[in-house]
Amino acid sequence: MLKKIAELNSGAVLITGDGKRLARIYLSAWGKTGRRILAEYLPFQIDGDVYIGSPFESDDFDVYLIVNPLSRSKAERAKLREWLGSHRDRLVLLYEHKYVKDSITRYGIREFIDYLIAYKRETVGFERVDVVRLENGRVVESKTYVRRY
C-alpha cells in the first residue's frame, strides 16, 4: 500500500507522528515525475526543486505540502477543509508532527483524506507504520508495517 501512495496522481495523504523520512520519499518520488511542488515551509530537506509559499494563494502547482494541519486554529482548519475540497484533482501531502491514528475521527478534515500514514517509533527497538485508506471519512483498508532498527 505504501508503493500505491507513491504512484498517486491526485488525492490527499496525511502523515502523522513526525514521519520525515516517509514524507521526504513521497515528495522526492512525486518531484522526479516532473511535478511542481509548493511547500508552506520545509521541516526536512528534499532533493529536487521545491517552491516555498502559501498554498492558499496559488493554483499553479501539482503537489502541495501543508505542515501541521491539525494543530491549527478552528478557523484555519475550516479554511483548509474548504481549500482541500476545491483541490481534489491535485496531490496534497499533509504533514503533522503529532501522532494521530484513531483520533482522526475527531477532525472534520478526515472527509478529504484518502490515505492516513501514522508513524510511531517504539521504545523497544522498532518502528511501526500504520497505513489506512479512507473514503468519505470511513476506513476502507488498513495495513501495518513493522521495522526493527
C-alpha atoms as a PDB file:
ATOM      1  CA  MET A   1       0.000   0.000   0.000  1.00  0.00           C
ATOM      2  CA  LEU A   2       2.968   2.346   0.562  1.00  0.00           C
ATOM      3  CA  LYS A   3       4.038   1.960  -3.071  1.00  0.00           C
ATOM      4  CA  LYS A   4       0.497   2.706  -4.255  1.00  0.00           C
ATOM      5  CA  ILE A   5       0.652   6.079  -2.483  1.00  0.00           C
ATOM      6  CA  ALA A   6       3.898   6.977  -4.302  1.00  0.00           C
ATOM      7  CA  GLU A   7       2.113   6.350  -7.608  1.00  0.00           C
ATOM      8  CA  LEU A   8      -0.905   8.568  -6.877  1.00  0.00           C
ATOM      9  CA  ASN A   9      -1.929  11.247  -9.355  1.00  0.00           C
ATOM     10  CA  SER A  10      -4.344  13.095  -7.075  1.00  0.00           C
ATOM     11  CA  GLY A  11      -5.656  12.971  -3.537  1.00  0.00           C
ATOM     12  CA  ALA A  12      -4.688  13.916  -0.002  1.00  0.00           C
ATOM     13  CA  VAL A  13      -2.220  11.990   2.164  1.00  0.00           C
ATOM     14  CA  LEU A  14      -1.841  12.738   5.885  1.00  0.00           C
ATOM     15  CA  ILE A  15       1.421  11.651   7.552  1.00  0.00           C
ATOM     16  CA  THR A  16       1.370  11.876  11.354  1.00  0.00           C
ATOM     17  CA  GLY A  17       3.898  11.096  14.047  1.00  0.00           C
ATOM     18  CA  ASP A  18       6.823  13.038  12.585  1.00  0.00           C
ATOM     19  CA  GLY A  19       7.497  10.601   9.729  1.00  0.00           C
ATOM     20  CA  LYS A  20      10.037  12.837   7.990  1.00  0.00           C
ATOM     21  CA  ARG A  21      11.663  10.021   6.045  1.00  0.00           C
ATOM     22  CA  LEU A  22       8.329   8.875   4.572  1.00  0.00           C
ATOM     23  CA  ALA A  23       7.329  12.422   3.623  1.00  0.00           C
ATOM     24  CA  ARG A  24      10.728  13.006   2.018  1.00  0.00           C
ATOM     25  CA  ILE A  25      10.416   9.779  -0.004  1.00  0.00           C
ATOM     26  CA  TYR A  26       6.966  10.690  -1.322  1.00  0.00           C
ATOM     27  CA  LEU A  27       7.857  14.278  -2.212  1.00  0.00           C
ATOM     28  CA  SER A  28      11.021  13.128  -3.975  1.00  0.00           C
ATOM     29  CA  ALA A  29       9.099  10.451  -5.914  1.00  0.00           C
ATOM     30  CA  TRP A  30       6.430  12.940  -6.985  1.00  0.00           C
ATOM     31  CA  GLY A  31       9.055  15.540  -7.892  1.00  0.00           C
ATOM     32  CA  LYS A  32      11.010  13.084 -10.070  1.00  0.00           C
ATOM     33  CA  THR A  33       7.975  12.638 -12.303  1.00  0.00           C
ATOM     34  CA  GLY A  34       8.164  16.324 -13.247  1.00  0.00           C
ATOM     35  CA  ARG A  35       5.510  17.636 -10.897  1.00  0.00           C
ATOM     36  CA  ARG A  36       5.930  21.090  -9.389  1.00  0.00           C
ATOM     37  CA  ILE A  37       5.885  21.145  -5.579  1.00  0.00           C
ATOM     38  CA  LEU A  38       4.815  24.044  -3.347  1.00  0.00           C
ATOM     39  CA  ALA A  39       5.507  23.847   0.393  1.00  0.00           C
ATOM     40  CA  GLU A  40       4.498  26.190   3.202  1.00  0.00           C
ATOM     41  CA  TYR A  41       7.959  25.581   4.605  1.00  0.00           C
ATOM     42  CA  LEU A  42      10.273  22.598   4.755  1.00  0.00           C
ATOM     43  CA  PRO A  43      10.655  20.809   8.114  1.00  0.00           C
ATOM     44  CA  PHE A  44      13.168  18.463   6.402  1.00  0.00           C
ATOM     45  CA  GLN A  45      15.459  18.517   3.355  1.00  0.00           C
ATOM     46  CA  ILE A  46      14.148  17.364  -0.026  1.00  0.00           C
ATOM     47  CA  ASP A  47      16.072  16.509  -3.191  1.00  0.00           C
ATOM     48  CA  GLY A  48      14.879  18.482  -6.181  1.00  0.00           C
ATOM     49  CA  ASP A  49      13.098  21.765  -6.744  1.00  0.00           C
ATOM     50  CA  VAL A  50      10.543  22.854  -4.163  1.00  0.00           C
ATOM     51  CA  TYR A  51       8.907  26.270  -4.103  1.00  0.00           C
ATOM     52  CA  ILE A  52       8.119  27.919  -0.777  1.00  0.00           C
ATOM     53  CA  GLY A  53       4.896  29.867  -0.333  1.00  0.00           C
ATOM     54  CA  SER A  54       1.303  29.785   0.778  1.00  0.00           C
ATOM     55  CA  PRO A  55      -0.731  27.042  -0.902  1.00  0.00           C
ATOM     56  CA  PHE A  56      -3.907  29.091  -0.441  1.00  0.00           C
ATOM     57  CA  GLU A  57      -2.649  31.805  -2.805  1.00  0.00           C
ATOM     58  CA  SER A  58      -1.534  29.728  -5.804  1.00  0.00           C
ATOM     59  CA  ASP A  59      -3.202  27.140  -8.029  1.00  0.00           C
ATOM     60  CA  ASP A  60      -0.255  26.635 -10.388  1.00  0.00           C
ATOM     61  CA  PHE A  61       1.298  23.587  -8.689  1.00  0.00           C
ATOM     62  CA  ASP A  62       0.748  19.841  -8.924  1.00  0.00           C
ATOM     63  CA  VAL A  63       1.802  18.873  -5.369  1.00  0.00           C
ATOM     64  CA  TYR A  64       1.280  20.811  -2.136  1.00  0.00           C
ATOM     65  CA  LEU A  65       2.930  20.278   1.269  1.00  0.00           C
ATOM     66  CA  ILE A  66       0.958  21.616   4.224  1.00  0.00           C
ATOM     67  CA  VAL A  67       2.624  21.379   7.630  1.00  0.00           C
ATOM     68  CA  ASN A  68       0.739  20.768  10.902  1.00  0.00           C
ATOM     69  CA  PRO A  69      -2.831  20.996   9.575  1.00  0.00           C
ATOM     70  CA  LEU A  70      -4.378  19.520  12.747  1.00  0.00           C
ATOM     71  CA  SER A  71      -2.539  21.861  15.118  1.00  0.00           C
ATOM     72  CA  ARG A  72      -4.120  24.995  13.658  1.00  0.00           C
ATOM     73  CA  SER A  73      -6.935  27.115  14.989  1.00  0.00           C
ATOM     74  CA  LYS A  74     -10.544  26.223  14.246  1.00  0.00           C
ATOM     75  CA  ALA A  75     -10.877  28.997  11.634  1.00  0.00           C
ATOM     76  CA  GLU A  76      -7.691  27.914   9.842  1.00  0.00           C
ATOM     77  CA  ARG A  77      -8.837  24.275   9.794  1.00  0.00           C
ATOM     78  CA  ALA A  78     -12.170  25.357   8.270  1.00  0.00           C
ATOM     79  CA  LYS A  79     -10.293  27.325   5.584  1.00  0.00           C
ATOM     80  CA  LEU A  80      -8.093  24.274   4.928  1.00  0.00           C
ATOM     81  CA  ARG A  81     -11.125  21.967   4.565  1.00  0.00           C
ATOM     82  CA  GLU A  82     -12.646  24.348   2.036  1.00  0.00           C
ATOM     83  CA  TRP A  83      -9.333  24.538   0.142  1.00  0.00           C
ATOM     84  CA  LEU A  84      -8.966  20.730   0.122  1.00  0.00           C
ATOM     85  CA  GLY A  85     -12.486  20.390  -1.273  1.00  0.00           C
ATOM     86  CA  SER A  86     -11.625  22.619  -4.219  1.00  0.00           C
ATOM     87  CA  HIS A  87      -8.261  20.902  -4.896  1.00  0.00           C
ATOM     88  CA  ARG A  88      -9.315  17.240  -5.153  1.00  0.00           C
ATOM     89  CA  ASP A  89      -7.555  16.981  -8.534  1.00  0.00           C
ATOM     90  CA  ARG A  90      -4.124  17.770  -7.014  1.00  0.00           C
ATOM     91  CA  LEU A  91      -1.757  15.845  -4.758  1.00  0.00           C
ATOM     92  CA  VAL A  92      -1.707  17.230  -1.225  1.00  0.00           C
ATOM     93  CA  LEU A  93       0.668  15.971   1.452  1.00  0.00           C
ATOM     94  CA  LEU A  94      -0.419  16.971   4.937  1.00  0.00           C
ATOM     95  CA  TYR A  95       2.462  16.558   7.393  1.00  0.00           C
ATOM     96  CA  GLU A  96       1.599  16.559  11.111  1.00  0.00           C
ATOM     97  CA  HIS A  97       4.247  16.367  13.847  1.00  0.00           C
ATOM     98  CA  LYS A  98       1.951  14.890  16.477  1.00  0.00           C
ATOM     99  CA  TYR A  99       0.804  11.258  16.324  1.00  0.00           C
ATOM    100  CA  VAL A 100      -2.808  10.793  15.242  1.00  0.00           C
ATOM    101  CA  LYS A 101      -4.331   7.493  14.212  1.00  0.00           C
ATOM    102  CA  ASP A 102      -7.747   6.514  15.567  1.00  0.00           C
ATOM    103  CA  SER A 103      -8.435  10.037  16.850  1.00  0.00           C
ATOM    104  CA  ILE A 104      -8.608  11.304  13.246  1.00  0.00           C
ATOM    105  CA  THR A 105     -12.374  10.823  13.571  1.00  0.00           C
ATOM    106  CA  ARG A 106     -12.474  13.961  15.774  1.00  0.00           C
ATOM    107  CA  TYR A 107     -11.339  16.157  12.895  1.00  0.00           C
ATOM    108  CA  GLY A 108     -13.539  17.315  10.021  1.00  0.00           C
ATOM    109  CA  ILE A 109     -10.570  17.070   7.672  1.00  0.00           C
ATOM    110  CA  ARG A 110     -10.944  13.259   7.651  1.00  0.00           C
ATOM    111  CA  GLU A 111     -13.547  13.517   4.867  1.00  0.00           C
ATOM    112  CA  PHE A 112     -10.925  14.910   2.472  1.00  0.00           C
ATOM    113  CA  ILE A 113      -8.102  12.486   3.321  1.00  0.00           C
ATOM    114  CA  ASP A 114      -7.515   9.498   1.052  1.00  0.00           C
ATOM    115  CA  TYR A 115      -4.626   7.928   2.992  1.00  0.00           C
ATOM    116  CA  LEU A 116      -3.503   8.263   6.614  1.00  0.00           C
ATOM    117  CA  ILE A 117       0.036   7.171   7.465  1.00  0.00           C
ATOM    118  CA  ALA A 118       0.638   7.015  11.229  1.00  0.00           C
ATOM    119  CA  TYR A 119       4.344   6.657  12.038  1.00  0.00           C
ATOM    120  CA  LYS A 120       5.400   5.623  15.533  1.00  0.00           C
ATOM    121  CA  ARG A 121       8.870   4.899  16.851  1.00  0.00           C
ATOM    122  CA  GLU A 122       8.593   2.420  19.702  1.00  0.00           C
ATOM    123  CA  THR A 123      10.982   2.279  22.662  1.00  0.00           C
ATOM    124  CA  VAL A 124      11.811  -1.413  22.259  1.00  0.00           C
ATOM    125  CA  GLY A 125      13.801  -1.028  19.063  1.00  0.00           C
ATOM    126  CA  PHE A 126      11.303  -0.909  16.206  1.00  0.00           C
ATOM    127  CA  GLU A 127       9.239   1.441  14.103  1.00  0.00           C
ATOM    128  CA  ARG A 128       5.586   0.941  13.275  1.00  0.00           C
ATOM    129  CA  VAL A 129       3.798   2.439  10.298  1.00  0.00           C
ATOM    130  CA  ASP A 130       0.018   2.114  10.086  1.00  0.00           C
ATOM    131  CA  VAL A 131      -1.422   2.896   6.655  1.00  0.00           C
ATOM    132  CA  VAL A 132      -5.160   3.483   6.437  1.00  0.00           C
ATOM    133  CA  ARG A 133      -7.137   4.129   3.257  1.00  0.00           C
ATOM    134  CA  LEU A 134     -10.178   6.316   3.823  1.00  0.00           C
ATOM    135  CA  GLU A 135     -13.216   7.010   1.681  1.00  0.00           C
ATOM    136  CA  ASN A 136     -15.576   9.769   2.830  1.00  0.00           C
ATOM    137  CA  GLY A 137     -14.026   9.675   6.305  1.00  0.00           C
ATOM    138  CA  ARG A 138     -14.514   5.917   6.747  1.00  0.00           C
ATOM    139  CA  VAL A 139     -11.802   3.275   6.944  1.00  0.00           C
ATOM    140  CA  VAL A 140     -11.820   1.049   3.855  1.00  0.00           C
ATOM    141  CA  GLU A 141      -8.448  -0.694   4.127  1.00  0.00           C
ATOM    142  CA  SER A 142      -5.721  -0.858   6.748  1.00  0.00           C
ATOM    143  CA  LYS A 143      -2.222  -2.322   6.916  1.00  0.00           C
ATOM    144  CA  THR A 144       0.591  -2.222   9.497  1.00  0.00           C
ATOM    145  CA  TYR A 145       4.309  -2.351   8.717  1.00  0.00           C
ATOM    146  CA  VAL A 146       6.941  -3.045  11.402  1.00  0.00           C
ATOM    147  CA  ARG A 147      10.675  -2.498  11.052  1.00  0.00           C
ATOM    148  CA  ARG A 148      13.395  -3.291  13.569  1.00  0.00           C
ATOM    149  CA  TYR A 149      16.384  -0.999  13.851  1.00  0.00           C
END
